[in-house]
Amino acid sequence: GYDDGYDYGWYGSSAKSTNPAVALAGKVNADLIDY
């Protein structure tokens, strides 16, 4: 349970935003690293 919760908190929601700047940063982050 700790692993699953930690993994989701780690990289599961970084790009979920309606803010264009935040969405772009999240997209770059997601494309930069294959999590």
PDB file of all heavy atoms in Angstrom:
ATOM      1  N   GLY A   1       0.820  -1.209   0.000  1.00  0.00           N
ATOM      2  CA  GLY A   1       0.000   0.000   0.000  1.00  0.00           C
ATOM      3  C   GLY A   1       0.851   1.254   0.000  1.00  0.00           C
ATOM      4  O   GLY A   1       0.535   2.231  -0.696  1.00  0.00           O
ATOM      5  N   TYR A   2       1.946   1.220   0.756  1.00  0.00           N
ATOM      6  CA  TYR A   2       2.826   2.385   0.790  1.00  0.00           C
ATOM      7  C   TYR A   2       3.450   2.641  -0.576  1.00  0.00           C
ATOM      8  O   TYR A   2       3.528   3.772  -1.046  1.00  0.00           O
ATOM      9  CB  TYR A   2       3.914   2.162   1.843  1.00  0.00           C
ATOM     10  CG  TYR A   2       4.850   3.341   1.988  1.00  0.00           C
ATOM     11  CD1 TYR A   2       4.537   4.392   2.857  1.00  0.00           C
ATOM     12  CD2 TYR A   2       6.035   3.414   1.261  1.00  0.00           C
ATOM     13  CE1 TYR A   2       5.389   5.474   2.989  1.00  0.00           C
ATOM     14  CE2 TYR A   2       6.877   4.496   1.385  1.00  0.00           C
ATOM     15  CZ  TYR A   2       6.553   5.521   2.257  1.00  0.00           C
ATOM     16  OH  TYR A   2       7.392   6.599   2.380  1.00  0.00           O
ATOM     17  N   ASP A   3       3.918   1.551  -1.250  1.00  0.00           N
ATOM     18  CA  ASP A   3       4.520   1.691  -2.573  1.00  0.00           C
ATOM     19  C   ASP A   3       3.541   2.293  -3.562  1.00  0.00           C
ATOM     20  O   ASP A   3       3.876   3.201  -4.328  1.00  0.00           O
ATOM     21  CB  ASP A   3       4.998   0.330  -3.089  1.00  0.00           C
ATOM     22  CG  ASP A   3       6.280  -0.099  -2.414  1.00  0.00           C
ATOM     23  OD1 ASP A   3       6.904   0.762  -1.756  1.00  0.00           O
ATOM     24  OD2 ASP A   3       6.654  -1.283  -2.535  1.00  0.00           O
ATOM     25  N   ASP A   4       2.314   1.767  -3.580  1.00  0.00           N
ATOM     26  CA  ASP A   4       1.330   2.259  -4.546  1.00  0.00           C
ATOM     27  C   ASP A   4       1.009   3.731  -4.293  1.00  0.00           C
ATOM     28  O   ASP A   4       0.950   4.545  -5.233  1.00  0.00           O
ATOM     29  CB  ASP A   4       0.043   1.430  -4.457  1.00  0.00           C
ATOM     30  CG  ASP A   4       0.261  -0.005  -4.935  1.00  0.00           C
ATOM     31  OD1 ASP A   4       1.251  -0.215  -5.677  1.00  0.00           O
ATOM     32  OD2 ASP A   4      -0.537  -0.886  -4.573  1.00  0.00           O
ATOM     33  N   GLY A   5       0.797   4.077  -3.019  1.00  0.00           N
ATOM     34  CA  GLY A   5       0.502   5.470  -2.702  1.00  0.00           C
ATOM     35  C   GLY A   5       1.670   6.387  -3.004  1.00  0.00           C
ATOM     36  O   GLY A   5       1.508   7.487  -3.527  1.00  0.00           O
ATOM     37  N   TYR A   6       2.882   5.912  -2.736  1.00  0.00           N
ATOM     38  CA  TYR A   6       4.067   6.739  -2.974  1.00  0.00           C
ATOM     39  C   TYR A   6       4.285   6.952  -4.472  1.00  0.00           C
ATOM     40  O   TYR A   6       4.605   8.040  -4.919  1.00  0.00           O
ATOM     41  CB  TYR A   6       5.293   6.071  -2.352  1.00  0.00           C
ATOM     42  CG  TYR A   6       6.510   6.954  -2.326  1.00  0.00           C
ATOM     43  CD1 TYR A   6       6.745   7.798  -1.233  1.00  0.00           C
ATOM     44  CD2 TYR A   6       7.409   6.963  -3.384  1.00  0.00           C
ATOM     45  CE1 TYR A   6       7.849   8.612  -1.205  1.00  0.00           C
ATOM     46  CE2 TYR A   6       8.518   7.782  -3.366  1.00  0.00           C
ATOM     47  CZ  TYR A   6       8.732   8.606  -2.265  1.00  0.00           C
ATOM     48  OH  TYR A   6       9.825   9.418  -2.244  1.00  0.00           O
ATOM     49  N   ASP A   7       4.106   5.871  -5.249  1.00  0.00           N
ATOM     50  CA  ASP A   7       4.313   5.977  -6.696  1.00  0.00           C
ATOM     51  C   ASP A   7       3.320   6.963  -7.310  1.00  0.00           C
ATOM     52  O   ASP A   7       3.664   7.765  -8.178  1.00  0.00           O
ATOM     53  CB  ASP A   7       4.136   4.607  -7.355  1.00  0.00           C
ATOM     54  CG  ASP A   7       5.283   3.673  -6.995  1.00  0.00           C
ATOM     55  OD1 ASP A   7       6.308   4.181  -6.510  1.00  0.00           O
ATOM     56  OD2 ASP A   7       5.135   2.445  -7.176  1.00  0.00           O
ATOM     57  N   TYR A   8       2.061   6.912  -6.866  1.00  0.00           N
ATOM     58  CA  TYR A   8       1.064   7.833  -7.422  1.00  0.00           C
ATOM     59  C   TYR A   8       1.427   9.271  -7.052  1.00  0.00           C
ATOM     60  O   TYR A   8       1.360  10.180  -7.881  1.00  0.00           O
ATOM     61  CB  TYR A   8      -0.322   7.488  -6.898  1.00  0.00           C
ATOM     62  CG  TYR A   8      -1.385   8.437  -7.410  1.00  0.00           C
ATOM     63  CD1 TYR A   8      -1.903   8.295  -8.697  1.00  0.00           C
ATOM     64  CD2 TYR A   8      -1.842   9.484  -6.601  1.00  0.00           C
ATOM     65  CE1 TYR A   8      -2.860   9.183  -9.175  1.00  0.00           C
ATOM     66  CE2 TYR A   8      -2.792  10.369  -7.080  1.00  0.00           C
ATOM     67  CZ  TYR A   8      -3.313  10.217  -8.367  1.00  0.00           C
ATOM     68  OH  TYR A   8      -4.249  11.094  -8.822  1.00  0.00           O
ATOM     69  N   GLY A   9       1.832   9.463  -5.810  1.00  0.00           N
ATOM     70  CA  GLY A   9       2.237  10.803  -5.386  1.00  0.00           C
ATOM     71  C   GLY A   9       3.518  11.251  -6.070  1.00  0.00           C
ATOM     72  O   GLY A   9       3.775  12.437  -6.212  1.00  0.00           O
ATOM     73  N   TRP A  10       4.337  10.274  -6.526  1.00  0.00           N
ATOM     74  CA  TRP A  10       5.634  10.622  -7.133  1.00  0.00           C
ATOM     75  C   TRP A  10       5.472  11.186  -8.538  1.00  0.00           C
ATOM     76  O   TRP A  10       5.915  12.268  -8.853  1.00  0.00           O
ATOM     77  CB  TRP A  10       6.503   9.356  -7.169  1.00  0.00           C
ATOM     78  CG  TRP A  10       7.863   9.569  -7.752  1.00  0.00           C
ATOM     79  CD1 TRP A  10       8.206   9.629  -9.049  1.00  0.00           C
ATOM     80  CD2 TRP A  10       9.071   9.768  -7.026  1.00  0.00           C
ATOM     81  NE1 TRP A  10       9.532   9.830  -9.206  1.00  0.00           N
ATOM     82  CE2 TRP A  10      10.096   9.923  -7.963  1.00  0.00           C
ATOM     83  CE3 TRP A  10       9.376   9.834  -5.661  1.00  0.00           C
ATOM     84  CZ2 TRP A  10      11.410  10.124  -7.593  1.00  0.00           C
ATOM     85  CZ3 TRP A  10      10.692  10.027  -5.307  1.00  0.00           C
ATOM     86  CH2 TRP A  10      11.691  10.176  -6.260  1.00  0.00           C
ATOM     87  N   TYR A  11       4.834  10.387  -9.449  1.00  0.00           N
ATOM     88  CA  TYR A  11       4.760  10.877 -10.823  1.00  0.00           C
ATOM     89  C   TYR A  11       3.382  10.667 -11.471  1.00  0.00           C
ATOM     90  O   TYR A  11       3.227  10.746 -12.682  1.00  0.00           O
ATOM     91  CB  TYR A  11       5.823  10.189 -11.688  1.00  0.00           C
ATOM     92  CG  TYR A  11       5.822   8.681 -11.659  1.00  0.00           C
ATOM     93  CD1 TYR A  11       4.896   7.938 -12.383  1.00  0.00           C
ATOM     94  CD2 TYR A  11       6.762   7.999 -10.894  1.00  0.00           C
ATOM     95  CE1 TYR A  11       4.907   6.560 -12.352  1.00  0.00           C
ATOM     96  CE2 TYR A  11       6.767   6.618 -10.860  1.00  0.00           C
ATOM     97  CZ  TYR A  11       5.842   5.902 -11.596  1.00  0.00           C
ATOM     98  OH  TYR A  11       5.856   4.542 -11.570  1.00  0.00           O
ATOM     99  N   GLY A  12       2.341  10.399 -10.675  1.00  0.00           N
ATOM    100  CA  GLY A  12       1.046  10.093 -11.274  1.00  0.00           C
ATOM    101  C   GLY A  12       0.208  11.316 -11.631  1.00  0.00           C
ATOM    102  O   GLY A  12      -0.747  11.196 -12.406  1.00  0.00           O
ATOM    103  N   SER A  13       0.520  12.509 -11.102  1.00  0.00           N
ATOM    104  CA  SER A  13      -0.388  13.644 -11.323  1.00  0.00           C
ATOM    105  C   SER A  13       0.341  14.933 -11.643  1.00  0.00           C
ATOM    106  O   SER A  13      -0.183  16.014 -11.413  1.00  0.00           O
ATOM    107  CB  SER A  13      -1.252  13.851 -10.071  1.00  0.00           C
ATOM    108  OG  SER A  13      -0.438  14.135  -8.956  1.00  0.00           O
ATOM    109  N   SER A  14       1.555  14.835 -12.142  1.00  0.00           N
ATOM    110  CA  SER A  14       2.350  16.048 -12.338  1.00  0.00           C
ATOM    111  C   SER A  14       1.848  16.917 -13.474  1.00  0.00           C
ATOM    112  O   SER A  14       2.060  18.129 -13.460  1.00  0.00           O
ATOM    113  CB  SER A  14       3.820  15.668 -12.571  1.00  0.00           C
ATOM    114  OG  SER A  14       3.913  14.881 -13.749  1.00  0.00           O
ATOM    115  N   ALA A  15       1.205  16.329 -14.488  1.00  0.00           N
ATOM    116  CA  ALA A  15       0.807  17.125 -15.663  1.00  0.00           C
ATOM    117  C   ALA A  15      -0.697  17.338 -15.755  1.00  0.00           C
ATOM    118  O   ALA A  15      -1.210  17.718 -16.803  1.00  0.00           O
ATOM    119  CB  ALA A  15       1.308  16.443 -16.934  1.00  0.00           C
ATOM    120  N   LYS A  16      -1.444  17.045 -14.691  1.00  0.00           N
ATOM    121  CA  LYS A  16      -2.901  17.197 -14.715  1.00  0.00           C
ATOM    122  C   LYS A  16      -3.271  18.611 -14.281  1.00  0.00           C
ATOM    123  O   LYS A  16      -3.553  18.864 -13.118  1.00  0.00           O
ATOM    124  CB  LYS A  16      -3.542  16.166 -13.780  1.00  0.00           C
ATOM    125  CG  LYS A  16      -3.107  14.723 -14.044  1.00  0.00           C
ATOM    126  CD  LYS A  16      -3.574  14.258 -15.406  1.00  0.00           C
ATOM    127  CE  LYS A  16      -3.387  12.759 -15.576  1.00  0.00           C
ATOM    128  NZ  LYS A  16      -1.977  12.354 -15.527  1.00  0.00           N
ATOM    129  N   SER A  17      -3.255  19.562 -15.193  1.00  0.00           N
ATOM    130  CA  SER A  17      -3.576  20.948 -14.855  1.00  0.00           C
ATOM    131  C   SER A  17      -4.179  21.631 -16.082  1.00  0.00           C
ATOM    132  O   SER A  17      -3.818  21.326 -17.222  1.00  0.00           O
ATOM    133  CB  SER A  17      -2.329  21.700 -14.398  1.00  0.00           C
ATOM    134  OG  SER A  17      -2.625  23.050 -14.169  1.00  0.00           O
ATOM    135  N   THR A  18      -5.101  22.591 -15.825  1.00  0.00           N
ATOM    136  CA  THR A  18      -5.698  23.376 -16.906  1.00  0.00           C
ATOM    137  C   THR A  18      -4.913  24.632 -17.192  1.00  0.00           C
ATOM    138  O   THR A  18      -5.156  25.319 -18.181  1.00  0.00           O
ATOM    139  CB  THR A  18      -7.130  23.750 -16.518  1.00  0.00           C
ATOM    140  OG1 THR A  18      -7.119  24.489 -15.290  1.00  0.00           O
ATOM    141  CG2 THR A  18      -7.989  22.500 -16.351  1.00  0.00           C
ATOM    142  N   ASN A  19      -3.934  24.965 -16.344  1.00  0.00           N
ATOM    143  CA  ASN A  19      -3.088  26.124 -16.564  1.00  0.00           C
ATOM    144  C   ASN A  19      -2.138  25.817 -17.715  1.00  0.00           C
ATOM    145  O   ASN A  19      -1.399  24.834 -17.663  1.00  0.00           O
ATOM    146  CB  ASN A  19      -2.326  26.448 -15.280  1.00  0.00           C
ATOM    147  CG  ASN A  19      -1.538  27.741 -15.377  1.00  0.00           C
ATOM    148  OD1 ASN A  19      -0.733  27.927 -16.273  1.00  0.00           O
ATOM    149  ND2 ASN A  19      -1.791  28.637 -14.414  1.00  0.00           N
ATOM    150  N   PRO A  20      -2.108  26.650 -18.777  1.00  0.00           N
ATOM    151  CA  PRO A  20      -1.250  26.343 -19.943  1.00  0.00           C
ATOM    152  C   PRO A  20       0.222  26.193 -19.586  1.00  0.00           C
ATOM    153  O   PRO A  20       0.893  25.294 -20.072  1.00  0.00           O
ATOM    154  CB  PRO A  20      -1.488  27.540 -20.868  1.00  0.00           C
ATOM    155  CG  PRO A  20      -2.806  28.083 -20.462  1.00  0.00           C
ATOM    156  CD  PRO A  20      -2.913  27.872 -18.986  1.00  0.00           C
ATOM    157  N   ALA A  21       0.721  27.087 -18.724  1.00  0.00           N
ATOM    158  CA  ALA A  21       2.146  27.009 -18.356  1.00  0.00           C
ATOM    159  C   ALA A  21       2.437  25.739 -17.583  1.00  0.00           C
ATOM    160  O   ALA A  21       3.453  25.054 -17.811  1.00  0.00           O
ATOM    161  CB  ALA A  21       2.542  28.231 -17.535  1.00  0.00           C
ATOM    162  N   VAL A  22       1.533  25.401 -16.665  1.00  0.00           N
ATOM    163  CA  VAL A  22       1.719  24.193 -15.865  1.00  0.00           C
ATOM    164  C   VAL A  22       1.596  22.957 -16.757  1.00  0.00           C
ATOM    165  O   VAL A  22       2.368  21.999 -16.635  1.00  0.00           O
ATOM    166  CB  VAL A  22       0.697  24.149 -14.719  1.00  0.00           C
ATOM    167  CG1 VAL A  22       0.799  22.813 -13.969  1.00  0.00           C
ATOM    168  CG2 VAL A  22       0.918  25.311 -13.763  1.00  0.00           C
ATOM    169  N   ALA A  23       0.614  22.972 -17.666  1.00  0.00           N
ATOM    170  CA  ALA A  23       0.435  21.837 -18.574  1.00  0.00           C
ATOM    171  C   ALA A  23       1.662  21.634 -19.450  1.00  0.00           C
ATOM    172  O   ALA A  23       2.096  20.498 -19.697  1.00  0.00           O
ATOM    173  CB  ALA A  23      -0.819  22.062 -19.432  1.00  0.00           C
ATOM    174  N   LEU A  24       2.246  22.743 -19.940  1.00  0.00           N
ATOM    175  CA  LEU A  24       3.447  22.635 -20.762  1.00  0.00           C
ATOM    176  C   LEU A  24       4.617  22.061 -19.965  1.00  0.00           C
ATOM    177  O   LEU A  24       5.339  21.180 -20.432  1.00  0.00           O
ATOM    178  CB  LEU A  24       3.817  24.009 -21.327  1.00  0.00           C
ATOM    179  CG  LEU A  24       5.101  24.062 -22.161  1.00  0.00           C
ATOM    180  CD1 LEU A  24       4.988  23.156 -23.385  1.00  0.00           C
ATOM    181  CD2 LEU A  24       5.409  25.501 -22.588  1.00  0.00           C
ATOM    182  N   ALA A  25       4.791  22.577 -18.737  1.00  0.00           N
ATOM    183  CA  ALA A  25       5.885  22.058 -17.894  1.00  0.00           C
ATOM    184  C   ALA A  25       5.675  20.584 -17.592  1.00  0.00           C
ATOM    185  O   ALA A  25       6.629  19.781 -17.602  1.00  0.00           O
ATOM    186  CB  ALA A  25       5.962  22.861 -16.602  1.00  0.00           C
ATOM    187  N   GLY A  26       4.386  20.200 -17.347  1.00  0.00           N
ATOM    188  CA  GLY A  26       4.115  18.797 -17.078  1.00  0.00           C
ATOM    189  C   GLY A  26       4.380  17.931 -18.287  1.00  0.00           C
ATOM    190  O   GLY A  26       4.882  16.812 -18.170  1.00  0.00           O
ATOM    191  N   LYS A  27       4.040  18.447 -19.475  1.00  0.00           N
ATOM    192  CA  LYS A  27       4.293  17.689 -20.695  1.00  0.00           C
ATOM    193  C   LYS A  27       5.796  17.502 -20.928  1.00  0.00           C
ATOM    194  O   LYS A  27       6.271  16.429 -21.294  1.00  0.00           O
ATOM    195  CB  LYS A  27       3.667  18.418 -21.887  1.00  0.00           C
ATOM    196  CG  LYS A  27       3.789  17.675 -23.213  1.00  0.00           C
ATOM    197  CD  LYS A  27       3.077  18.444 -24.313  1.00  0.00           C
ATOM    198  CE  LYS A  27       3.168  17.668 -25.639  1.00  0.00           C
ATOM    199  NZ  LYS A  27       4.511  17.413 -26.074  1.00  0.00           N
ATOM    200  N   VAL A  28       6.561  18.596 -20.728  1.00  0.00           N
ATOM    201  CA  VAL A  28       8.027  18.498 -20.873  1.00  0.00           C
ATOM    202  C   VAL A  28       8.595  17.485 -19.888  1.00  0.00           C
ATOM    203  O   VAL A  28       9.439  16.652 -20.226  1.00  0.00           O
ATOM    204  CB  VAL A  28       8.668  19.881 -20.668  1.00  0.00           C
ATOM    205  CG1 VAL A  28      10.187  19.751 -20.563  1.00  0.00           C
ATOM    206  CG2 VAL A  28       8.286  20.813 -21.799  1.00  0.00           C
ATOM    207  N   ASN A  29       8.102  17.550 -18.655  1.00  0.00           N
ATOM    208  CA  ASN A  29       8.580  16.628 -17.629  1.00  0.00           C
ATOM    209  C   ASN A  29       8.268  15.181 -18.005  1.00  0.00           C
ATOM    210  O   ASN A  29       9.098  14.281 -17.872  1.00  0.00           O
ATOM    211  CB  ASN A  29       7.944  16.989 -16.290  1.00  0.00           C
ATOM    212  CG  ASN A  29       8.498  16.150 -15.146  1.00  0.00           C
ATOM    213  OD1 ASN A  29       9.632  15.695 -15.197  1.00  0.00           O
ATOM    214  ND2 ASN A  29       7.694  15.949 -14.120  1.00  0.00           N
ATOM    215  N   ALA A  30       7.050  14.960 -18.506  1.00  0.00           N
ATOM    216  CA  ALA A  30       6.644  13.606 -18.875  1.00  0.00           C
ATOM    217  C   ALA A  30       7.425  13.097 -20.081  1.00  0.00           C
ATOM    218  O   ALA A  30       7.734  11.904 -20.184  1.00  0.00           O
ATOM    219  CB  ALA A  30       5.140  13.582 -19.159  1.00  0.00           C
ATOM    220  N   ASP A  31       7.742  14.013 -21.042  1.00  0.00           N
ATOM    221  CA  ASP A  31       8.509  13.595 -22.222  1.00  0.00           C
ATOM    222  C   ASP A  31       9.997  13.444 -21.909  1.00  0.00           C
ATOM    223  O   ASP A  31      10.713  12.707 -22.590  1.00  0.00           O
ATOM    224  CB  ASP A  31       8.332  14.626 -23.347  1.00  0.00           C
ATOM    225  CG  ASP A  31       6.929  14.596 -23.937  1.00  0.00           C
ATOM    226  OD1 ASP A  31       6.259  13.563 -23.748  1.00  0.00           O
ATOM    227  OD2 ASP A  31       6.528  15.593 -24.565  1.00  0.00           O
ATOM    228  N   LEU A  32      10.446  14.184 -20.909  1.00  0.00           N
ATOM    229  CA  LEU A  32      11.877  14.143 -20.555  1.00  0.00           C
ATOM    230  C   LEU A  32      12.265  12.807 -19.951  1.00  0.00           C
ATOM    231  O   LEU A  32      13.357  12.286 -20.206  1.00  0.00           O
ATOM    232  CB  LEU A  32      12.190  15.278 -19.572  1.00  0.00           C
ATOM    233  CG  LEU A  32      13.661  15.561 -19.277  1.00  0.00           C
ATOM    234  CD1 LEU A  32      14.377  16.037 -20.529  1.00  0.00           C
ATOM    235  CD2 LEU A  32      13.769  16.631 -18.182  1.00  0.00           C
ATOM    236  N   ILE A  33      11.361  12.224 -19.166  1.00  0.00           N
ATOM    237  CA  ILE A  33      11.662  10.977 -18.454  1.00  0.00           C
ATOM    238  C   ILE A  33      10.533   9.980 -18.703  1.00  0.00           C
ATOM    239  O   ILE A  33       9.355  10.315 -18.560  1.00  0.00           O
ATOM    240  CB  ILE A  33      11.817  11.217 -16.942  1.00  0.00           C
ATOM    241  CG1 ILE A  33      12.949  12.215 -16.680  1.00  0.00           C
ATOM    242  CG2 ILE A  33      12.065   9.902 -16.205  1.00  0.00           C
ATOM    243  CD1 ILE A  33      13.037  12.668 -15.253  1.00  0.00           C
ATOM    244  N   ASP A  34      10.890   8.753 -19.079  1.00  0.00           N
ATOM    245  CA  ASP A  34       9.906   7.688 -19.250  1.00  0.00           C
ATOM    246  C   ASP A  34       9.715   7.007 -17.899  1.00  0.00           C
ATOM    247  O   ASP A  34      10.402   6.041 -17.561  1.00  0.00           O
ATOM    248  CB  ASP A  34      10.401   6.695 -20.308  1.00  0.00           C
ATOM    249  CG  ASP A  34       9.366   5.609 -20.580  1.00  0.00           C
ATOM    250  OD1 ASP A  34       8.246   5.712 -20.044  1.00  0.00           O
ATOM    251  OD2 ASP A  34       9.701   4.650 -21.320  1.00  0.00           O
ATOM    252  N   TYR A  35       8.760   7.530 -17.125  1.00  0.00           N
ATOM    253  CA  TYR A  35       8.571   7.040 -15.761  1.00  0.00           C
ATOM    254  C   TYR A  35       8.100   5.586 -15.724  1.00  0.00           C
ATOM    255  O   TYR A  35       8.388   4.856 -14.774  1.00  0.00           O
ATOM    256  CB  TYR A  35       7.576   7.921 -15.019  1.00  0.00           C
ATOM    257  CG  TYR A  35       8.105   9.299 -14.705  1.00  0.00           C
ATOM    258  CD1 TYR A  35       7.793  10.385 -15.519  1.00  0.00           C
ATOM    259  CD2 TYR A  35       8.933   9.508 -13.619  1.00  0.00           C
ATOM    260  CE1 TYR A  35       8.295  11.648 -15.246  1.00  0.00           C
ATOM    261  CE2 TYR A  35       9.436  10.768 -13.334  1.00  0.00           C
ATOM    262  CZ  TYR A  35       9.113  11.837 -14.150  1.00  0.00           C
ATOM    263  OH  TYR A  35       9.618  13.084 -13.872  1.00  0.00           O
TER     264      TYR A  35
END
